Amino acid sequence: VGTEAVVSTQSTGFTLTYGLYGCSASQRLRQSDEVNKQLDKMGYNIGVRMIEDFLAHTPSAKRCTQFEEVADVICKQGFRMFLGIVPEVRNWNAAKDEFTLLLTENPLSEFVELPPNCADSLWYSNIICGVIRGALEMIQMEVKCTFIGDTLRGSDSTEIRVKFVKILEDSLPAGED
């Protein structure tokens, strides 16, 4: 079985499992903003762990010195490895510290239709923002990551805005030297 087939199977399994979780969270929490926070938090926790798997399976990955390189690795290697897609990077700001990810396809939304009561407020794939934040934080990079468009909410495309905030300093827990 080829690598692409394995990624596709894993992606479909995750998509279906995520759909069940998303449905359960929206029924349990009732407020879309709370569901959005839970999905982001869940994604963050996954991202914190996924970076280790990514680095272990990508020996060619080198330390990025520019945020443009980070965007390239996220799209061409990270998304491909875990979701089997390659988003497009676009709309860089002048400082080159902020960009948009354009997802021409989103496996997480393949089998989904948002209920009318949350179609304007739920970011169903918000887990992706959390994964990006969590993974980058583990390599000492703080980013802000937000959805700016989603086909599930009537947009022409699914887009995520990623903004570099700062490099995080290594620090010891309080009381340890």
Protein backbone atom coordinates (compact mmCIF):
# COMPACT_ATOMS: atom_id res chain seq x y z
CA VAL A 1 0.00 0.00 0.00
CA GLY A 2 1.42 3.39 -1.02
CA THR A 3 2.04 6.29 1.34
CA GLU A 4 -0.69 8.39 -0.28
CA ALA A 5 -3.26 5.61 0.29
CA VAL A 6 -2.27 5.33 3.96
CA VAL A 7 -2.55 9.11 4.45
CA SER A 8 -5.93 9.10 2.71
CA THR A 9 -7.23 6.30 4.93
CA GLN A 10 -5.91 7.97 8.10
CA SER A 11 -7.37 11.31 7.01
CA THR A 12 -10.81 9.79 6.35
CA GLY A 13 -10.79 8.00 9.71
CA PHE A 14 -9.82 11.19 11.51
CA THR A 15 -12.45 13.17 9.58
CA LEU A 16 -15.24 10.82 10.65
CA THR A 17 -14.06 10.70 14.27
CA TYR A 18 -13.71 14.48 14.34
CA GLY A 19 -17.23 14.81 12.95
CA LEU A 20 -18.60 12.82 15.87
CA TYR A 21 -16.65 14.94 18.34
CA GLY A 22 -17.75 18.20 16.70
CA CYS A 23 -21.38 17.13 16.79
CA SER A 24 -21.12 16.04 20.42
CA ALA A 25 -19.37 19.28 21.46
CA SER A 26 -21.94 21.46 19.72
CA GLN A 27 -24.80 19.61 21.43
CA ARG A 28 -23.09 19.65 24.83
CA LEU A 29 -21.87 23.26 24.83
CA ARG A 30 -24.70 24.87 22.85
CA GLN A 31 -22.77 28.15 22.30
CA SER A 32 -20.70 28.29 19.11
CA ASP A 33 -17.98 30.43 20.71
CA GLU A 34 -17.50 27.77 23.40
CA VAL A 35 -17.35 25.03 20.76
CA ASN A 36 -14.80 27.11 18.81
CA LYS A 37 -12.65 27.41 21.96
CA GLN A 38 -12.89 23.67 22.66
CA LEU A 39 -11.93 22.75 19.10
CA ASP A 40 -8.96 25.14 19.23
CA LYS A 41 -7.86 23.73 22.60
CA MET A 42 -8.16 20.17 21.32
CA GLY A 43 -6.14 21.11 18.24
CA TYR A 44 -3.49 22.80 20.36
CA ASN A 45 -3.05 19.63 22.43
CA ILE A 46 -2.78 17.56 19.26
CA GLY A 47 -0.28 19.98 17.71
CA VAL A 48 1.95 19.82 20.78
CA ARG A 49 2.28 16.07 20.15
CA MET A 50 2.20 16.05 16.35
CA ILE A 51 5.36 18.13 16.01
CA GLU A 52 7.39 15.27 17.48
CA ASP A 53 5.92 12.84 14.95
CA PHE A 54 6.50 15.34 12.14
CA LEU A 55 10.15 15.89 13.07
CA ALA A 56 10.75 12.15 13.52
CA HIS A 57 9.36 11.38 10.05
CA THR A 58 10.89 14.38 8.29
CA PRO A 59 14.64 14.10 8.76
CA SER A 60 15.18 16.57 5.92
CA ALA A 61 13.39 19.33 7.87
CA LYS A 62 15.87 21.96 8.92
CA ARG A 63 15.57 24.89 11.30
CA CYS A 64 13.65 27.70 9.60
CA THR A 65 15.20 31.15 9.76
CA GLN A 66 12.40 33.06 8.02
CA PHE A 67 8.66 32.93 8.65
CA GLU A 68 8.23 32.31 4.91
CA GLU A 69 10.11 29.03 5.35
CA VAL A 70 7.79 28.08 8.22
CA ALA A 71 4.75 28.67 6.00
CA ASP A 72 6.28 26.55 3.26
CA VAL A 73 7.01 23.63 5.62
CA ILE A 74 3.53 23.81 7.18
CA CYS A 75 1.87 23.61 3.76
CA LYS A 76 4.08 21.35 1.71
CA GLN A 77 5.05 18.89 4.41
CA GLY A 78 2.81 19.19 7.49
CA PHE A 79 -0.60 19.36 5.83
CA ARG A 80 0.42 16.73 3.29
CA MET A 81 1.66 14.35 5.98
CA PHE A 82 -1.36 14.60 8.27
CA LEU A 83 -4.31 15.54 6.04
CA GLY A 84 -3.12 14.60 2.56
CA ILE A 85 -3.59 18.14 1.17
CA VAL A 86 -1.31 21.02 0.24
CA PRO A 87 -2.82 24.45 0.97
CA GLU A 88 -1.67 27.54 -0.88
CA VAL A 89 0.18 30.33 0.95
CA ARG A 90 -0.95 33.80 -0.11
CA ASN A 91 -1.56 37.38 1.00
CA TRP A 92 1.69 38.04 2.84
CA ASN A 93 1.76 41.37 4.64
CA ALA A 94 4.62 43.83 3.98
CA ALA A 95 6.51 42.76 7.12
CA LYS A 96 6.38 39.09 6.01
CA ASP A 97 5.08 38.07 9.44
CA GLU A 98 1.51 37.24 8.44
CA PHE A 99 -0.02 35.13 5.69
CA THR A 100 -3.18 33.32 4.64
CA LEU A 101 -3.50 29.59 4.08
CA LEU A 102 -5.98 28.80 1.30
CA LEU A 103 -7.37 25.30 1.58
CA THR A 104 -8.79 24.34 -1.81
CA GLU A 105 -10.04 21.18 -0.14
CA ASN A 106 -10.70 20.51 3.53
CA PRO A 107 -11.02 16.86 4.49
CA LEU A 108 -12.54 17.81 7.85
CA SER A 109 -15.60 19.30 6.17
CA GLU A 110 -16.22 16.58 3.57
CA PHE A 111 -19.23 14.99 5.26
CA VAL A 112 -20.50 18.08 7.09
CA GLU A 113 -23.42 20.43 6.87
CA LEU A 114 -23.69 23.01 9.64
CA PRO A 115 -27.05 23.35 11.37
CA PRO A 116 -28.71 26.71 10.63
CA ASN A 117 -28.40 27.90 14.24
CA CYS A 118 -24.57 27.88 14.09
CA ALA A 119 -23.89 28.49 10.40
CA ASP A 120 -22.75 32.07 11.11
CA SER A 121 -20.73 31.48 14.27
CA LEU A 122 -19.16 27.99 14.31
CA TRP A 123 -15.69 27.50 12.82
CA TYR A 124 -16.07 23.77 12.36
CA SER A 125 -12.42 23.15 11.39
CA ASN A 126 -11.03 25.33 14.19
CA ILE A 127 -8.98 22.35 15.35
CA ILE A 128 -6.55 23.19 12.51
CA CYS A 129 -5.77 26.58 14.06
CA GLY A 130 -5.06 24.91 17.38
CA VAL A 131 -2.79 22.30 15.76
CA ILE A 132 -0.74 25.02 14.04
CA ARG A 133 -0.43 27.03 17.27
CA GLY A 134 0.50 24.00 19.38
CA ALA A 135 3.07 22.63 16.94
CA LEU A 136 4.78 25.97 16.43
CA GLU A 137 4.83 26.72 20.14
CA MET A 138 6.79 23.51 20.71
CA ILE A 139 9.49 24.87 18.41
CA GLN A 140 9.54 28.18 20.32
CA MET A 141 7.31 30.19 18.00
CA GLU A 142 4.15 31.95 19.15
CA VAL A 143 1.57 32.59 16.44
CA LYS A 144 -2.00 33.78 16.27
CA CYS A 145 -4.13 31.63 14.00
CA THR A 146 -7.73 32.41 13.01
CA PHE A 147 -10.24 31.37 10.40
CA ILE A 148 -11.26 34.14 8.02
CA GLY A 149 -13.43 32.09 5.69
CA ASP A 150 -15.00 28.66 5.45
CA THR A 151 -16.99 27.03 2.66
CA LEU A 152 -19.25 25.53 5.34
CA ARG A 153 -20.26 29.09 6.24
CA GLY A 154 -20.89 30.17 2.67
CA SER A 155 -17.45 31.55 1.77
CA ASP A 156 -15.96 30.80 -1.63
CA SER A 157 -12.93 29.22 0.06
CA THR A 158 -11.59 28.01 3.37
CA GLU A 159 -8.91 30.40 4.61
CA ILE A 160 -6.83 30.62 7.78
CA ARG A 161 -4.81 33.69 8.77
CA VAL A 162 -1.51 32.98 10.56
CA LYS A 163 0.38 35.80 12.28
CA PHE A 164 3.82 35.53 13.85
CA VAL A 165 3.76 36.98 17.39
CA LYS A 166 7.19 36.26 18.87
CA ILE A 167 9.99 33.79 19.45
CA LEU A 168 9.53 32.09 22.81
CA GLU A 169 12.47 31.87 25.17
CA ASP A 170 13.42 28.62 26.83
CA SER A 171 12.68 28.87 30.52
CA LEU A 172 12.82 26.61 33.52
CA PRO A 173 9.78 26.10 35.73
CA ALA A 174 9.58 28.47 38.72
CA GLY A 175 11.95 27.45 41.52
CA GLU A 176 14.31 25.44 39.29
CA ASP A 177 17.75 26.67 38.32
